[in-house]
Amino acid sequence: MPLHPLGRTWADTLREDREAVLLADSLGFHDAFIGEHLTDQHENITNSLLFLATLIHQTSQIRLGTGTTNLSQQHPVLVAANSAMFDHMSDGRFILGISPGALSSDAEALGLLDEDRNKMFAESVDVITAVWASDPPYDIAFPDNRWPVSTARTIDLDLGVGVLPKTLQQPRPEIVGTVVAPFSKGVIAMGQRDFHPLSANFLLPQWVKTHWPNYVQGKSDVDQVADPADWRIARTILVADDAATARRYAIDDPASPYRFYYSQMLTKMRKLGRLELFKTHRDQPDDEVTLEGVLEALVVHGTPGSVAEQLLAFREEVGEFGEVVYAGLDWVDPGLARRSMDLMATKVVPEMEAAGA
């Protein structure tokens, strides 16, 4: 979810976001998640699946994930069918990342502002997974679900109509849900449904660690054992060849994309009444939450050895997990941005692996 500053052309920021994924592919990054918003000038990818489709034939190994598809904003049959086509086009490199669609201005533009988007999300998930698991003419009609699905009145198998596409990956692609709230109850449902959690990069470690027990509970509810390899945690990371450069670009420079990102996030969360995401304890006064404090707490920066050390300490604090998700930001300095990703892949990860992570 890179936050691009106003003033850059849309084509330029889209080109830069594509370059980041292409670089990640060449460096051996495991997957790339792309977000979507309709009405945000800073987060300006409107359809993550459409954006990712432009990368299929220029990438070779990286898995391509929606990060996320906002399920309240389109009919679940469209999500199921378009995702299935993408899965085939990408030769099974597709991951479906899902969320309700939290941006209220998107909801207002679509006439959904007064709808229960969390309920729509849950209903949509049921329909999508049922479409992939069912055969035509379909009889998908859950109690109180607004999206019943059938082709019984129009199916003609001789003509090949009335049949929704299946995914290449069977029984379905991996489904990943982003987790933002501390102690999120949604993680319990993820465990019950065998969806995989991705904890947000703007959460303090003490809130990140609350996600895993709930996932374990969800798995236990269906007599399964939770696998830490299925847990992704996003972090905001800057790796540089020297500590001074890292400090300047990540924290001190007024033009730092990290400073811009967290300034935007703080402003948004204050407006939404969700400032607790940045608090060290839930009763911390609002005026104690400062941009400087957030930057110091949440931006992992330094030389490769230092970053590896910080990430290993983070892992020690929150517990075992499967994947560090490197948060994307605007490339204010393309050289430093590219170098950071390079050092992350070629220096930091090997050091972590050597330490047993």
Protein backbone atom coordinates (compact mmCIF):
# COMPACT_ATOMS: atom_id res chain seq x y z
CA MET A 1 0.00 0.00 0.00
CA PRO A 2 2.50 2.66 -1.03
CA LEU A 3 1.19 6.14 -0.23
CA HIS A 4 2.16 8.36 -3.11
CA PRO A 5 2.31 12.13 -2.51
CA LEU A 6 0.06 14.39 -4.51
CA GLY A 7 1.68 16.04 -7.51
CA ARG A 8 3.01 12.93 -9.23
CA THR A 9 1.18 11.74 -12.34
CA TRP A 10 -0.97 8.64 -11.97
CA ALA A 11 0.89 6.85 -14.77
CA ASP A 12 4.19 7.53 -13.01
CA THR A 13 3.12 6.05 -9.68
CA LEU A 14 1.57 3.01 -11.37
CA ARG A 15 4.81 2.49 -13.30
CA GLU A 16 6.83 2.73 -10.08
CA ASP A 17 4.58 0.21 -8.30
CA ARG A 18 5.03 -2.21 -11.19
CA GLU A 19 8.80 -1.75 -11.07
CA ALA A 20 8.77 -2.63 -7.36
CA VAL A 21 7.05 -5.95 -8.05
CA LEU A 22 9.35 -6.72 -10.97
CA LEU A 23 12.36 -6.05 -8.77
CA ALA A 24 10.90 -8.21 -6.00
CA ASP A 25 10.46 -11.05 -8.48
CA SER A 26 14.07 -10.80 -9.67
CA LEU A 27 15.31 -10.81 -6.06
CA GLY A 28 13.37 -13.91 -5.10
CA PHE A 29 10.65 -12.35 -2.94
CA HIS A 30 7.94 -14.97 -2.32
CA ASP A 31 4.80 -12.95 -3.01
CA ALA A 32 3.47 -9.44 -3.70
CA PHE A 33 0.20 -8.11 -2.30
CA ILE A 34 -1.41 -5.08 -3.97
CA GLY A 35 -4.17 -3.02 -2.37
CA GLU A 36 -7.03 -1.17 -3.97
CA HIS A 37 -9.14 1.93 -3.31
CA LEU A 38 -11.50 3.85 -5.55
CA THR A 39 -11.41 7.26 -3.91
CA ASP A 40 -7.94 7.65 -2.36
CA GLN A 41 -5.55 9.89 -4.27
CA HIS A 42 -2.57 8.59 -2.29
CA GLU A 43 -3.37 4.86 -2.49
CA ASN A 44 -4.42 5.07 -6.10
CA ILE A 45 -4.66 1.52 -7.47
CA THR A 46 -8.38 1.08 -8.09
CA ASN A 47 -8.40 -2.63 -8.93
CA SER A 48 -5.66 -4.88 -7.59
CA LEU A 49 -6.48 -7.81 -9.87
CA LEU A 50 -6.30 -5.63 -12.99
CA PHE A 51 -2.98 -4.17 -11.85
CA LEU A 52 -1.52 -7.61 -11.10
CA ALA A 53 -2.61 -8.94 -14.49
CA THR A 54 -0.13 -6.55 -16.11
CA LEU A 55 2.67 -8.34 -14.24
CA ILE A 56 1.89 -11.97 -15.02
CA HIS A 57 4.04 -12.33 -18.11
CA GLN A 58 6.91 -10.15 -16.88
CA THR A 59 7.42 -12.12 -13.67
CA SER A 60 8.60 -15.69 -13.33
CA GLN A 61 8.25 -16.98 -9.79
CA ILE A 62 6.64 -14.43 -7.46
CA ARG A 63 3.10 -15.18 -6.31
CA LEU A 64 0.65 -12.39 -7.05
CA GLY A 65 -1.89 -11.53 -4.37
CA THR A 66 -4.71 -9.06 -4.08
CA GLY A 67 -4.00 -7.10 -0.94
CA THR A 68 -6.95 -6.87 -0.77
CA THR A 69 -10.00 -7.44 -2.92
CA ASN A 70 -12.69 -5.40 -1.16
CA LEU A 71 -15.55 -7.88 -1.10
CA SER A 72 -18.37 -5.49 -0.26
CA GLN A 73 -17.77 -3.64 -3.51
CA GLN A 74 -18.64 -6.26 -6.13
CA HIS A 75 -20.75 -9.35 -6.61
CA PRO A 76 -18.95 -12.46 -5.30
CA VAL A 77 -19.55 -14.33 -8.56
CA LEU A 78 -17.41 -11.69 -10.29
CA VAL A 79 -14.66 -12.19 -7.71
CA ALA A 80 -14.82 -15.98 -8.05
CA ALA A 81 -14.86 -15.99 -11.86
CA ASN A 82 -12.22 -13.29 -12.41
CA SER A 83 -9.94 -14.78 -9.77
CA ALA A 84 -10.25 -18.20 -11.38
CA MET A 85 -9.23 -16.77 -14.76
CA PHE A 86 -6.29 -14.98 -13.15
CA ASP A 87 -5.21 -18.21 -11.45
CA HIS A 88 -5.03 -19.95 -14.83
CA MET A 89 -3.32 -17.03 -16.54
CA SER A 90 -0.66 -16.91 -13.82
CA ASP A 91 -0.13 -20.69 -13.84
CA GLY A 92 -1.31 -21.02 -10.25
CA ARG A 93 0.64 -18.07 -8.79
CA PHE A 94 -2.51 -16.38 -7.50
CA ILE A 95 -3.35 -15.55 -3.87
CA LEU A 96 -6.75 -14.10 -3.01
CA GLY A 97 -6.37 -11.44 -0.32
CA ILE A 98 -9.70 -10.33 1.09
CA SER A 99 -11.23 -7.63 3.29
CA PRO A 100 -14.60 -5.88 3.62
CA GLY A 101 -13.38 -2.57 2.17
CA ALA A 102 -12.75 -0.16 5.01
CA LEU A 103 -12.49 3.19 3.20
CA SER A 104 -15.73 5.04 3.92
CA SER A 105 -15.45 7.33 0.89
CA ASP A 106 -15.33 4.26 -1.36
CA ALA A 107 -18.46 2.98 0.35
CA GLU A 108 -20.25 6.31 -0.08
CA ALA A 109 -19.36 6.49 -3.77
CA LEU A 110 -20.87 3.03 -4.24
CA GLY A 111 -23.97 3.73 -2.16
CA LEU A 112 -22.82 1.36 0.59
CA LEU A 113 -22.04 3.79 3.39
CA ASP A 114 -24.98 2.69 5.54
CA GLU A 115 -24.61 -1.02 4.76
CA ASP A 116 -23.06 -3.55 7.14
CA ARG A 117 -19.93 -4.14 5.09
CA ASN A 118 -18.56 -6.72 7.51
CA LYS A 119 -21.71 -8.77 7.02
CA MET A 120 -21.45 -8.34 3.24
CA PHE A 121 -17.85 -9.52 3.47
CA ALA A 122 -18.80 -12.71 5.34
CA GLU A 123 -21.64 -13.42 2.91
CA SER A 124 -19.36 -12.87 -0.08
CA VAL A 125 -16.70 -15.26 1.25
CA ASP A 126 -19.32 -17.98 1.61
CA VAL A 127 -20.47 -17.52 -1.97
CA ILE A 128 -16.96 -17.38 -3.49
CA THR A 129 -15.79 -20.58 -1.83
CA ALA A 130 -19.08 -22.31 -2.63
CA VAL A 131 -18.81 -21.36 -6.32
CA TRP A 132 -15.35 -22.91 -6.51
CA ALA A 133 -16.53 -26.05 -4.71
CA SER A 134 -19.83 -26.55 -6.58
CA ASP A 135 -20.92 -27.87 -9.94
CA PRO A 136 -23.59 -26.33 -12.19
CA PRO A 137 -26.43 -25.52 -12.17
CA TYR A 138 -25.51 -24.48 -8.59
CA ASP A 139 -27.73 -24.13 -5.57
CA ILE A 140 -25.93 -21.58 -3.47
CA ALA A 141 -28.42 -19.96 -1.12
CA PHE A 142 -27.28 -19.43 2.45
CA PRO A 143 -29.73 -18.08 5.06
CA ASP A 144 -29.87 -14.28 4.99
CA ASN A 145 -27.24 -14.05 2.21
CA ARG A 146 -28.05 -11.38 -0.37
CA TRP A 147 -26.27 -13.25 -3.17
CA PRO A 148 -27.98 -16.55 -4.09
CA VAL A 149 -26.33 -18.19 -7.10
CA SER A 150 -27.91 -20.53 -9.65
CA THR A 151 -27.90 -21.11 -13.41
CA ALA A 152 -30.69 -23.73 -13.28
CA ARG A 153 -33.05 -21.76 -15.55
CA THR A 154 -30.53 -21.14 -18.31
CA ILE A 155 -27.93 -23.93 -18.19
CA ASP A 156 -27.18 -25.76 -21.42
CA LEU A 157 -24.20 -28.07 -21.09
CA ASP A 158 -24.27 -28.92 -24.80
CA LEU A 159 -23.69 -25.24 -25.55
CA GLY A 160 -21.31 -24.86 -22.62
CA VAL A 161 -23.29 -22.11 -20.92
CA GLY A 162 -24.33 -21.77 -17.32
CA VAL A 163 -20.96 -22.99 -16.03
CA LEU A 164 -18.73 -20.87 -13.77
CA PRO A 165 -14.95 -21.36 -14.03
CA LYS A 166 -12.89 -23.35 -11.53
CA THR A 167 -9.50 -22.22 -10.28
CA LEU A 168 -6.33 -23.94 -11.43
CA GLN A 169 -5.20 -24.48 -7.85
CA GLN A 170 -7.32 -27.12 -6.18
CA PRO A 171 -9.38 -27.14 -4.12
CA ARG A 172 -8.83 -23.37 -4.22
CA PRO A 173 -6.06 -20.76 -4.11
CA GLU A 174 -4.65 -19.62 -0.80
CA ILE A 175 -6.92 -17.04 0.84
CA VAL A 176 -5.29 -14.39 3.01
CA GLY A 177 -7.02 -11.90 5.29
CA THR A 178 -5.39 -8.73 6.56
CA VAL A 179 -5.53 -8.17 10.31
CA VAL A 180 -5.46 -4.67 11.77
CA ALA A 181 -7.25 -4.67 15.12
CA PRO A 182 -5.51 -5.85 18.30
CA PHE A 183 -7.12 -9.05 19.62
CA SER A 184 -9.01 -9.35 16.33
CA LYS A 185 -11.89 -11.84 16.50
CA GLY A 186 -11.78 -12.10 12.73
CA VAL A 187 -8.60 -14.14 13.08
CA ILE A 188 -10.62 -16.85 14.84
CA ALA A 189 -12.85 -17.14 11.78
CA MET A 190 -9.76 -17.28 9.55
CA GLY A 191 -8.51 -20.28 11.49
CA GLN A 192 -11.88 -21.97 11.27
CA ARG A 193 -12.00 -21.44 7.48
CA ASP A 194 -8.33 -22.22 6.77
CA PHE A 195 -7.64 -18.67 5.61
CA HIS A 196 -4.22 -17.27 6.49
CA PRO A 197 -3.64 -14.05 8.49
CA LEU A 198 -1.45 -11.13 7.43
CA SER A 199 -0.84 -8.75 10.34
CA ALA A 200 -0.53 -5.08 9.39
CA ASN A 201 2.82 -3.28 9.32
CA PHE A 202 1.56 -0.35 11.40
CA LEU A 203 0.87 -2.41 14.54
CA LEU A 204 3.18 -2.40 17.53
CA PRO A 205 4.62 -5.82 18.45
CA GLN A 206 2.43 -6.18 21.55
CA TRP A 207 -0.67 -5.91 19.34
CA VAL A 208 0.70 -8.16 16.59
CA LYS A 209 1.27 -10.95 19.10
CA THR A 210 -2.43 -10.94 20.05
CA HIS A 211 -3.33 -12.33 16.62
CA TRP A 212 -1.71 -15.73 16.92
CA PRO A 213 -3.67 -17.07 19.95
CA ASN A 214 -6.92 -16.26 18.17
CA TYR A 215 -5.77 -18.07 15.03
CA VAL A 216 -4.83 -21.07 17.17
CA GLN A 217 -8.28 -20.97 18.74
CA GLY A 218 -9.96 -20.92 15.34
CA LYS A 219 -7.94 -23.90 14.18
CA SER A 220 -8.68 -25.75 17.41
CA ASP A 221 -12.41 -25.13 16.92
CA VAL A 222 -12.29 -27.32 13.80
CA ASP A 223 -9.87 -29.87 15.29
CA GLN A 224 -6.86 -28.64 13.36
CA VAL A 225 -3.39 -27.50 14.45
CA ALA A 226 -2.27 -23.99 13.53
CA ASP A 227 0.95 -23.82 11.52
CA PRO A 228 3.10 -20.71 12.16
CA ALA A 229 4.26 -20.93 8.54
CA ASP A 230 0.79 -19.69 7.54
CA TRP A 231 1.16 -16.42 9.47
CA ARG A 232 2.51 -13.38 7.60
CA ILE A 233 3.52 -10.20 9.39
CA ALA A 234 4.17 -6.97 7.52
CA ARG A 235 6.88 -4.57 8.69
CA THR A 236 8.07 -1.18 7.47
CA ILE A 237 11.74 -1.71 6.61
CA LEU A 238 14.64 0.32 5.23
CA VAL A 239 18.03 -1.34 4.72
CA ALA A 240 21.01 0.77 3.70
CA ASP A 241 24.76 0.33 3.37
CA ASP A 242 25.42 2.58 6.36
CA ALA A 243 23.45 3.47 9.48
CA ALA A 244 23.52 7.24 8.90
CA THR A 245 21.90 6.95 5.49
CA ALA A 246 19.29 4.57 6.85
CA ARG A 247 18.48 6.91 9.73
CA ARG A 248 18.20 9.93 7.48
CA TYR A 249 15.95 8.34 4.84
CA ALA A 250 13.78 6.38 7.29
CA ILE A 251 13.32 8.91 10.09
CA ASP A 252 14.96 12.33 9.96
CA ASP A 253 14.60 13.70 6.42
CA PRO A 254 11.44 15.84 6.08
CA ALA A 255 11.06 14.32 2.60
CA SER A 256 11.30 10.73 3.92
CA PRO A 257 8.60 8.48 2.43
CA TYR A 258 8.49 6.68 5.78
CA ARG A 259 7.72 9.94 7.57
CA PHE A 260 5.10 10.78 4.94
CA TYR A 261 3.50 7.32 5.24
CA TYR A 262 3.15 7.41 9.01
CA SER A 263 2.06 11.05 9.03
CA GLN A 264 -0.78 10.06 6.71
CA MET A 265 -1.63 6.97 8.76
CA LEU A 266 -1.67 8.91 12.02
CA THR A 267 -3.95 11.56 10.54
CA LYS A 268 -6.33 8.96 9.15
CA MET A 269 -6.49 6.96 12.37
CA ARG A 270 -7.09 10.07 14.49
CA LYS A 271 -9.98 11.01 12.21
CA LEU A 272 -11.41 7.47 12.35
CA GLY A 273 -11.03 7.24 16.12
CA ARG A 274 -8.59 4.32 15.84
CA LEU A 275 -5.52 5.88 17.37
CA GLU A 276 -5.23 2.91 19.74
CA LEU A 277 -3.41 1.10 16.93
CA PHE A 278 -0.37 3.26 17.73
CA LYS A 279 -0.66 3.23 21.52
CA THR A 280 1.70 1.28 23.74
CA HIS A 281 -1.21 0.57 26.09
CA ARG A 282 -4.91 1.06 25.59
CA ASP A 283 -5.34 3.82 28.17
CA GLN A 284 -2.43 5.89 26.83
CA PRO A 285 -3.57 9.52 26.29
CA ASP A 286 -4.04 10.52 22.66
CA ASP A 287 -1.63 13.44 22.94
CA GLU A 288 1.20 11.06 23.83
CA VAL A 289 0.97 9.46 20.38
CA THR A 290 3.40 11.43 18.24
CA LEU A 291 4.82 10.98 14.76
CA GLU A 292 8.36 10.77 16.14
CA GLY A 293 7.36 8.05 18.57
CA VAL A 294 5.57 6.06 15.89
CA LEU A 295 8.53 6.28 13.52
CA GLU A 296 10.95 5.11 16.20
CA ALA A 297 8.68 2.22 17.17
CA LEU A 298 7.60 0.98 13.75
CA VAL A 299 10.30 1.68 11.15
CA VAL A 300 12.93 -1.06 11.12
CA HIS A 301 16.03 0.61 9.69
CA GLY A 302 19.78 0.25 9.57
CA THR A 303 22.52 -1.80 7.98
CA PRO A 304 21.76 -5.40 6.95
CA GLY A 305 23.18 -6.76 10.20
CA SER A 306 21.19 -4.32 12.30
CA VAL A 307 17.93 -4.96 10.45
CA ALA A 308 18.39 -8.72 10.75
CA GLU A 309 19.00 -8.26 14.47
CA GLN A 310 15.89 -6.12 14.88
CA LEU A 311 13.69 -8.57 12.97
CA LEU A 312 15.01 -11.51 14.99
CA ALA A 313 14.23 -9.60 18.19
CA PHE A 314 10.75 -8.86 16.85
CA ARG A 315 10.27 -12.56 16.11
CA GLU A 316 11.38 -13.39 19.63
CA GLU A 317 8.78 -10.97 21.00
CA VAL A 318 5.76 -11.95 18.89
CA GLY A 319 6.52 -15.64 18.36
CA GLU A 320 7.26 -17.82 15.36
CA PHE A 321 5.74 -16.83 12.04
CA GLY A 322 6.22 -17.78 8.41
CA GLU A 323 6.89 -14.65 6.39
CA VAL A 324 8.02 -11.07 6.79
CA VAL A 325 6.07 -8.91 4.35
CA TYR A 326 8.17 -5.94 3.26
CA ALA A 327 5.89 -2.89 3.14
CA GLY A 328 6.07 -0.88 -0.06
CA LEU A 329 6.38 2.91 0.00
CA ASP A 330 6.80 5.72 -2.49
CA TRP A 331 10.27 5.77 -4.09
CA VAL A 332 11.35 9.29 -3.17
CA ASP A 333 14.92 8.15 -3.81
CA PRO A 334 14.70 5.25 -6.29
CA GLY A 335 18.32 4.29 -5.69
CA LEU A 336 17.85 3.89 -1.94
CA ALA A 337 14.49 2.17 -2.39
CA ARG A 338 15.92 -0.41 -4.79
CA ARG A 339 19.05 -0.88 -2.71
CA SER A 340 16.94 -1.55 0.39
CA MET A 341 15.00 -4.33 -1.34
CA ASP A 342 18.26 -5.77 -2.71
CA LEU A 343 19.93 -5.80 0.70
CA MET A 344 16.80 -7.26 2.29
CA ALA A 345 16.89 -10.22 -0.09
CA THR A 346 20.63 -10.79 -0.37
CA LYS A 347 21.87 -9.88 3.11
CA VAL A 348 19.11 -9.65 5.73
CA VAL A 349 17.18 -12.80 4.89
CA PRO A 350 20.30 -15.02 4.71
CA GLU A 351 21.40 -13.68 8.12
CA MET A 352 17.99 -14.48 9.59
CA GLU A 353 18.00 -17.93 8.06
CA ALA A 354 21.48 -18.58 9.42
CA ALA A 355 20.14 -17.68 12.86
CA GLY A 356 17.38 -20.26 12.47
CA ALA A 357 14.51 -17.94 11.57
